[in-house]
N, C-alpha and C. Protein backbone atom coordinates (compact mmCIF):
# COMPACT_ATOMS: atom_id res chain seq x y z
N MET A 1 -8.79 -14.19 -24.53
CA MET A 1 -10.07 -13.58 -23.85
C MET A 1 -10.68 -12.38 -25.27
N THR A 2 -12.27 -12.58 -24.92
CA THR A 2 -12.82 -12.16 -26.04
C THR A 2 -13.06 -10.65 -24.57
N ILE A 3 -13.73 -9.87 -25.75
CA ILE A 3 -14.08 -8.53 -24.85
C ILE A 3 -15.53 -8.62 -24.12
N SER A 4 -16.16 -9.50 -24.38
CA SER A 4 -17.66 -9.64 -23.48
C SER A 4 -16.95 -10.46 -22.29
N THR A 5 -15.79 -11.22 -22.02
CA THR A 5 -15.09 -11.78 -21.08
C THR A 5 -14.72 -10.63 -19.95
N ASP A 6 -13.91 -9.63 -20.89
CA ASP A 6 -13.32 -9.01 -19.53
C ASP A 6 -14.11 -8.32 -19.03
N ILE A 7 -15.38 -7.79 -19.72
CA ILE A 7 -16.35 -6.72 -19.29
C ILE A 7 -16.79 -7.57 -17.85
N ASN A 8 -17.17 -8.80 -18.23
CA ASN A 8 -17.62 -10.01 -16.94
C ASN A 8 -17.08 -9.68 -15.69
N GLN A 9 -15.22 -10.25 -15.95
CA GLN A 9 -14.49 -10.13 -15.42
C GLN A 9 -14.37 -8.86 -14.47
N SER A 10 -14.42 -7.56 -15.11
CA SER A 10 -14.43 -5.93 -14.56
C SER A 10 -15.32 -6.07 -13.77
N ASN A 11 -16.89 -6.83 -13.86
CA ASN A 11 -17.66 -6.73 -12.71
C ASN A 11 -17.68 -7.63 -11.92
N ALA A 12 -16.65 -8.72 -11.60
CA ALA A 12 -16.63 -9.69 -10.49
C ALA A 12 -16.93 -9.24 -9.02
N LEU A 13 -15.94 -8.05 -8.63
CA LEU A 13 -15.98 -7.01 -7.52
C LEU A 13 -17.36 -6.36 -7.49
N GLY A 14 -18.08 -6.10 -6.51
CA GLY A 14 -19.04 -4.95 -6.49
C GLY A 14 -18.42 -4.02 -5.42
N TRP A 15 -19.02 -2.83 -5.51
CA TRP A 15 -18.81 -1.43 -4.55
C TRP A 15 -18.91 -1.85 -3.30
N PRO A 16 -19.68 -2.83 -2.65
CA PRO A 16 -19.41 -2.63 -1.16
C PRO A 16 -18.19 -3.76 -1.39
N THR A 17 -17.68 -4.84 -2.10
CA THR A 17 -16.48 -5.49 -1.93
C THR A 17 -15.62 -4.69 -2.01
N ARG A 18 -15.35 -3.81 -2.72
CA ARG A 18 -14.10 -2.97 -3.32
C ARG A 18 -14.11 -1.97 -2.06
N CYS A 19 -14.67 -1.20 -1.81
CA CYS A 19 -14.90 -0.85 -0.19
C CYS A 19 -14.41 -0.97 0.76
N ASN A 20 -15.08 -2.28 1.04
CA ASN A 20 -14.15 -3.05 2.18
C ASN A 20 -13.12 -3.38 1.62
N ILE A 21 -12.25 -3.49 0.89
CA ILE A 21 -11.02 -3.86 0.24
C ILE A 21 -10.14 -2.61 0.85
N ILE A 22 -10.67 -1.65 0.21
CA ILE A 22 -9.75 0.00 0.14
C ILE A 22 -9.64 0.21 1.67
N ASN A 23 -11.01 0.17 2.83
CA ASN A 23 -11.27 0.65 4.14
C ASN A 23 -9.80 -0.13 4.67
N GLY A 24 -9.81 -1.84 4.44
CA GLY A 24 -9.14 -3.02 5.35
C GLY A 24 -7.48 -2.11 4.56
N ILE A 25 -7.56 -1.80 3.53
CA ILE A 25 -6.21 -1.45 3.20
C ILE A 25 -5.95 -0.34 4.27
N ALA A 26 -6.44 0.27 4.58
CA ALA A 26 -6.45 2.12 5.05
C ALA A 26 -6.17 1.43 6.44
N ARG A 27 -6.93 0.70 7.16
CA ARG A 27 -6.45 0.08 8.42
C ARG A 27 -5.05 -0.33 8.80
N GLY A 28 -4.97 -1.18 7.50
CA GLY A 28 -4.04 -2.15 7.72
C GLY A 28 -2.65 -0.92 8.21
N LEU A 29 -2.65 0.21 7.14
CA LEU A 29 -1.50 1.25 7.12
C LEU A 29 -1.39 2.06 7.96
N LEU A 30 -3.23 1.92 9.14
CA LEU A 30 -2.70 3.10 10.18
C LEU A 30 -2.28 2.43 11.67
N TYR A 31 -2.50 1.02 11.29
CA TYR A 31 -2.07 -0.37 12.42
C TYR A 31 -0.39 0.15 12.17
N LEU A 32 0.11 -0.29 11.27
CA LEU A 32 1.60 -0.31 10.85
C LEU A 32 2.03 1.50 11.37
N HIS A 33 1.70 2.30 11.10
CA HIS A 33 1.79 3.50 11.41
C HIS A 33 2.04 4.01 12.45
N ARG A 34 0.31 3.50 13.31
CA ARG A 34 0.14 4.62 14.97
C ARG A 34 0.17 3.58 15.98
N ASP A 35 -0.57 2.41 15.82
CA ASP A 35 -1.20 1.60 16.83
C ASP A 35 -0.17 0.68 16.88
N SER A 36 1.13 -0.03 16.27
CA SER A 36 1.62 -0.79 15.97
C SER A 36 2.72 -0.56 17.60
N ARG A 37 3.30 -1.98 18.08
CA ARG A 37 4.16 -1.19 18.84
C ARG A 37 5.18 -0.91 18.22
N LEU A 38 5.96 -0.72 17.10
CA LEU A 38 7.06 -0.14 16.83
C LEU A 38 6.28 0.67 15.12
N ARG A 39 6.89 1.87 15.29
CA ARG A 39 5.98 2.25 13.58
C ARG A 39 6.90 1.93 12.31
N ILE A 40 6.34 1.32 11.55
CA ILE A 40 6.88 0.39 10.28
C ILE A 40 6.13 1.03 9.38
N ILE A 41 7.18 1.57 8.23
CA ILE A 41 6.81 2.39 6.98
C ILE A 41 7.33 1.22 6.43
N HIS A 42 6.40 0.54 5.25
CA HIS A 42 6.13 -0.39 4.25
C HIS A 42 6.62 -0.07 2.89
N ARG A 43 6.75 1.29 2.27
CA ARG A 43 7.45 1.77 1.41
C ARG A 43 7.67 1.19 0.01
N ASP A 44 6.52 0.13 0.06
CA ASP A 44 6.58 -0.57 -1.67
C ASP A 44 5.09 -1.51 -1.58
N LEU A 45 3.87 -0.45 -0.76
CA LEU A 45 2.73 -0.71 -0.63
C LEU A 45 2.15 -0.73 -2.56
N LYS A 46 1.70 -1.80 -3.13
CA LYS A 46 0.89 -2.55 -3.85
C LYS A 46 0.30 -3.14 -4.34
N ALA A 47 -0.08 -3.29 -5.38
CA ALA A 47 -1.69 -4.49 -6.00
C ALA A 47 -0.69 -6.00 -4.73
N SER A 48 0.46 -5.97 -5.80
CA SER A 48 1.01 -7.75 -5.38
C SER A 48 0.58 -7.60 -4.42
N ASN A 49 1.52 -6.71 -3.16
CA ASN A 49 1.58 -6.68 -2.21
C ASN A 49 0.31 -6.76 -1.33
N VAL A 50 -0.97 -6.63 -1.70
CA VAL A 50 -1.97 -7.33 -0.69
C VAL A 50 -2.69 -8.23 -1.21
N LEU A 51 -3.04 -8.83 0.01
CA LEU A 51 -3.41 -10.40 -0.43
C LEU A 51 -5.08 -10.32 0.14
N LEU A 52 -5.70 -11.26 -0.54
CA LEU A 52 -7.14 -11.35 -0.41
C LEU A 52 -7.53 -12.77 0.56
N ASP A 53 -8.48 -12.66 1.98
CA ASP A 53 -8.45 -14.37 2.45
C ASP A 53 -9.80 -14.81 2.09
N HIS A 54 -10.27 -15.55 2.02
CA HIS A 54 -11.54 -16.71 1.46
C HIS A 54 -12.31 -15.66 1.83
N GLU A 55 -12.69 -14.22 2.55
CA GLU A 55 -13.65 -13.81 2.75
C GLU A 55 -13.33 -12.39 2.00
N MET A 56 -12.10 -12.08 1.35
CA MET A 56 -11.94 -10.49 0.63
C MET A 56 -11.50 -9.86 1.29
N ASN A 57 -10.65 -10.31 2.57
CA ASN A 57 -10.42 -9.08 3.68
C ASN A 57 -9.32 -9.33 2.79
N PRO A 58 -8.40 -7.89 2.97
CA PRO A 58 -7.02 -7.83 2.63
C PRO A 58 -6.08 -7.53 3.69
N LYS A 59 -4.84 -8.10 3.32
CA LYS A 59 -3.84 -8.48 4.43
C LYS A 59 -2.40 -7.95 3.59
N ILE A 60 -1.96 -6.48 4.15
CA ILE A 60 -0.80 -6.18 3.72
C ILE A 60 0.48 -7.18 4.12
N SER A 61 1.17 -7.78 3.01
CA SER A 61 2.28 -8.60 2.92
C SER A 61 3.64 -7.80 2.33
N ASP A 62 4.76 -8.47 2.28
CA ASP A 62 6.12 -8.06 1.58
C ASP A 62 6.59 -7.13 2.31
N PHE A 63 7.23 -7.38 3.48
CA PHE A 63 7.45 -6.51 3.79
C PHE A 63 9.05 -6.68 4.37
N GLY A 64 9.22 -7.09 3.17
CA GLY A 64 11.01 -6.84 2.62
C GLY A 64 11.90 -5.30 2.38
N THR A 65 10.96 -4.16 2.29
CA THR A 65 11.30 -3.54 2.19
C THR A 65 11.05 -2.04 3.48
N ALA A 66 10.07 -2.85 4.49
CA ALA A 66 9.67 -2.22 4.98
C ALA A 66 10.74 -1.57 6.12
N ARG A 67 10.76 -0.09 6.65
CA ARG A 67 11.49 0.31 8.01
C ARG A 67 10.73 0.68 9.03
N ILE A 68 11.28 0.04 10.22
CA ILE A 68 10.73 0.60 11.91
C ILE A 68 11.64 2.06 11.82
N CYS A 69 10.85 3.07 12.16
CA CYS A 69 11.07 3.96 12.75
C CYS A 69 10.76 4.60 14.47
N GLY A 70 10.95 5.03 15.13
CA GLY A 70 10.76 5.48 16.07
C GLY A 70 9.76 6.52 15.93
N GLU A 71 8.82 6.88 17.37
CA GLU A 71 7.85 7.06 17.50
C GLU A 71 7.65 8.29 17.08
N THR A 72 8.86 9.16 17.47
CA THR A 72 8.88 10.75 17.00
C THR A 72 10.14 11.07 15.69
N ASP A 73 9.56 10.02 15.16
CA ASP A 73 10.28 10.30 13.83
C ASP A 73 9.70 10.57 13.00
N ALA A 74 9.41 11.86 12.10
CA ALA A 74 8.95 12.24 11.35
C ALA A 74 8.51 12.03 10.01
N GLU A 75 10.28 11.42 9.35
CA GLU A 75 10.47 11.27 8.31
C GLU A 75 11.74 10.83 8.65
N THR A 76 12.82 10.32 7.25
CA THR A 76 13.88 9.25 7.40
C THR A 76 14.12 9.31 5.91
N ASN A 77 15.51 9.41 5.87
CA ASN A 77 16.35 9.66 4.33
C ASN A 77 17.26 8.63 4.64
N THR A 78 17.42 8.13 3.06
CA THR A 78 18.01 6.66 2.79
C THR A 78 18.67 6.86 1.78
N THR A 79 19.56 6.71 1.75
CA THR A 79 20.66 6.73 0.17
C THR A 79 20.18 5.63 -0.88
N ARG A 80 19.42 4.55 -0.68
CA ARG A 80 19.08 2.96 -1.01
C ARG A 80 17.69 3.44 -1.28
N VAL A 81 17.26 3.81 -2.37
CA VAL A 81 15.47 4.09 -2.57
C VAL A 81 15.27 2.62 -3.30
N VAL A 82 14.25 1.80 -2.38
CA VAL A 82 13.26 0.68 -3.10
C VAL A 82 12.60 0.74 -3.21
N GLY A 83 11.74 -0.21 -4.55
CA GLY A 83 10.57 -0.30 -3.92
C GLY A 83 9.68 -0.41 -5.63
N THR A 84 8.47 -0.20 -6.06
CA THR A 84 7.92 0.07 -7.52
C THR A 84 8.31 1.44 -7.44
N TYR A 85 8.66 1.44 -8.85
CA TYR A 85 8.50 3.42 -9.35
C TYR A 85 7.16 3.80 -9.32
N GLY A 86 6.33 3.08 -10.03
CA GLY A 86 5.21 3.91 -10.10
C GLY A 86 4.00 4.28 -8.90
N TYR A 87 4.69 3.40 -7.88
CA TYR A 87 3.69 3.42 -6.21
C TYR A 87 4.72 4.88 -5.67
N MET A 88 5.61 4.81 -6.02
CA MET A 88 6.63 5.83 -4.96
C MET A 88 6.30 7.35 -4.76
N SER A 89 6.21 8.11 -3.37
CA SER A 89 5.60 9.29 -3.70
C SER A 89 7.43 10.13 -4.20
N PRO A 90 7.25 11.34 -5.01
CA PRO A 90 8.30 12.24 -5.50
C PRO A 90 9.45 11.95 -4.82
N GLU A 91 9.37 12.40 -3.07
CA GLU A 91 10.08 13.01 -2.69
C GLU A 91 11.08 11.80 -2.38
N TYR A 92 10.36 10.35 -2.07
CA TYR A 92 11.18 9.27 -1.96
C TYR A 92 12.33 8.84 -3.28
N ALA A 93 11.38 9.11 -4.29
CA ALA A 93 12.17 8.34 -5.30
C ALA A 93 13.37 9.58 -5.90
N MET A 94 12.99 10.51 -5.46
CA MET A 94 14.24 11.46 -6.17
C MET A 94 15.43 12.14 -5.25
N ASP A 95 14.84 11.96 -3.58
CA ASP A 95 15.27 11.81 -2.65
C ASP A 95 15.71 11.23 -1.41
N GLY A 96 15.25 10.23 -1.73
CA GLY A 96 15.15 9.14 -0.38
C GLY A 96 14.58 9.33 0.39
N LEU A 97 14.12 10.88 0.75
CA LEU A 97 13.21 10.63 1.99
C LEU A 97 11.79 10.31 1.98
N PHE A 98 11.56 9.58 3.02
CA PHE A 98 10.46 8.64 3.36
C PHE A 98 9.67 8.86 4.24
N SER A 99 8.66 8.85 5.02
CA SER A 99 7.17 8.66 5.78
C SER A 99 6.60 8.21 5.87
N VAL A 100 5.25 7.82 6.68
CA VAL A 100 3.96 7.22 6.46
C VAL A 100 3.16 8.11 5.45
N LYS A 101 3.87 9.43 5.04
CA LYS A 101 2.93 10.26 3.76
C LYS A 101 3.43 9.27 2.30
N SER A 102 5.05 8.33 2.74
CA SER A 102 5.36 8.01 1.30
C SER A 102 3.79 7.05 1.46
N ASP A 103 4.03 6.08 2.51
CA ASP A 103 3.15 4.43 2.54
C ASP A 103 1.20 5.75 1.91
N VAL A 104 1.09 6.62 2.26
CA VAL A 104 -0.25 6.77 2.03
C VAL A 104 -0.24 7.20 0.61
N PHE A 105 1.00 7.61 -0.14
CA PHE A 105 0.98 8.28 -1.75
C PHE A 105 0.65 7.14 -2.27
N SER A 106 1.71 6.07 -2.03
CA SER A 106 1.25 4.81 -2.68
C SER A 106 -0.11 4.38 -2.50
N PHE A 107 -0.62 4.18 -1.88
CA PHE A 107 -2.09 3.69 -1.16
C PHE A 107 -3.10 4.25 -2.15
N GLY A 108 -2.96 5.56 -2.32
CA GLY A 108 -3.30 6.76 -3.57
C GLY A 108 -3.23 5.90 -5.23
N CYS A 109 -1.73 5.75 -4.90
CA CYS A 109 -1.73 5.59 -6.43
C CYS A 109 -2.36 3.81 -6.65
N LEU A 110 -2.61 3.26 -5.27
CA LEU A 110 -2.68 1.67 -5.72
C LEU A 110 -4.54 1.95 -5.95
N LYS A 111 -5.27 2.90 -5.00
CA LYS A 111 -6.57 2.70 -5.37
C LYS A 111 -7.00 3.23 -7.47
N LEU A 112 -6.04 4.35 -7.86
CA LEU A 112 -5.91 4.83 -8.66
C LEU A 112 -5.79 3.23 -10.15
N LEU A 113 -4.95 3.00 -9.69
CA LEU A 113 -4.76 1.97 -10.62
C LEU A 113 -4.91 0.33 -10.72
N SER A 114 -5.93 0.31 -9.45
CA SER A 114 -6.37 -1.04 -9.12
C SER A 114 -7.87 -1.52 -10.45
């Protein structure tokens, strides 16, 4: 690839589309954390775990590392840390302590690295 091709590809998504994707991921996390019958913490939110449909609507995928928590559980601890280290919150990576805030941290990393 040449540099000009890379520049053209980086402009493939306009800001309205990018904002729609970001808002859709945020709505998906809100559903998992608050609106779903069970509180679900994804624990591995990253770009490759967000799929886009034909209208560029995001779908959160790969729930292999997800945990279901009780409605009153603010945070949970685990001895087995799973996920992608570049997207993990520090308290989860170092101490195994995760919560909905861990997914929000990953969401922030996702926006920065994309």
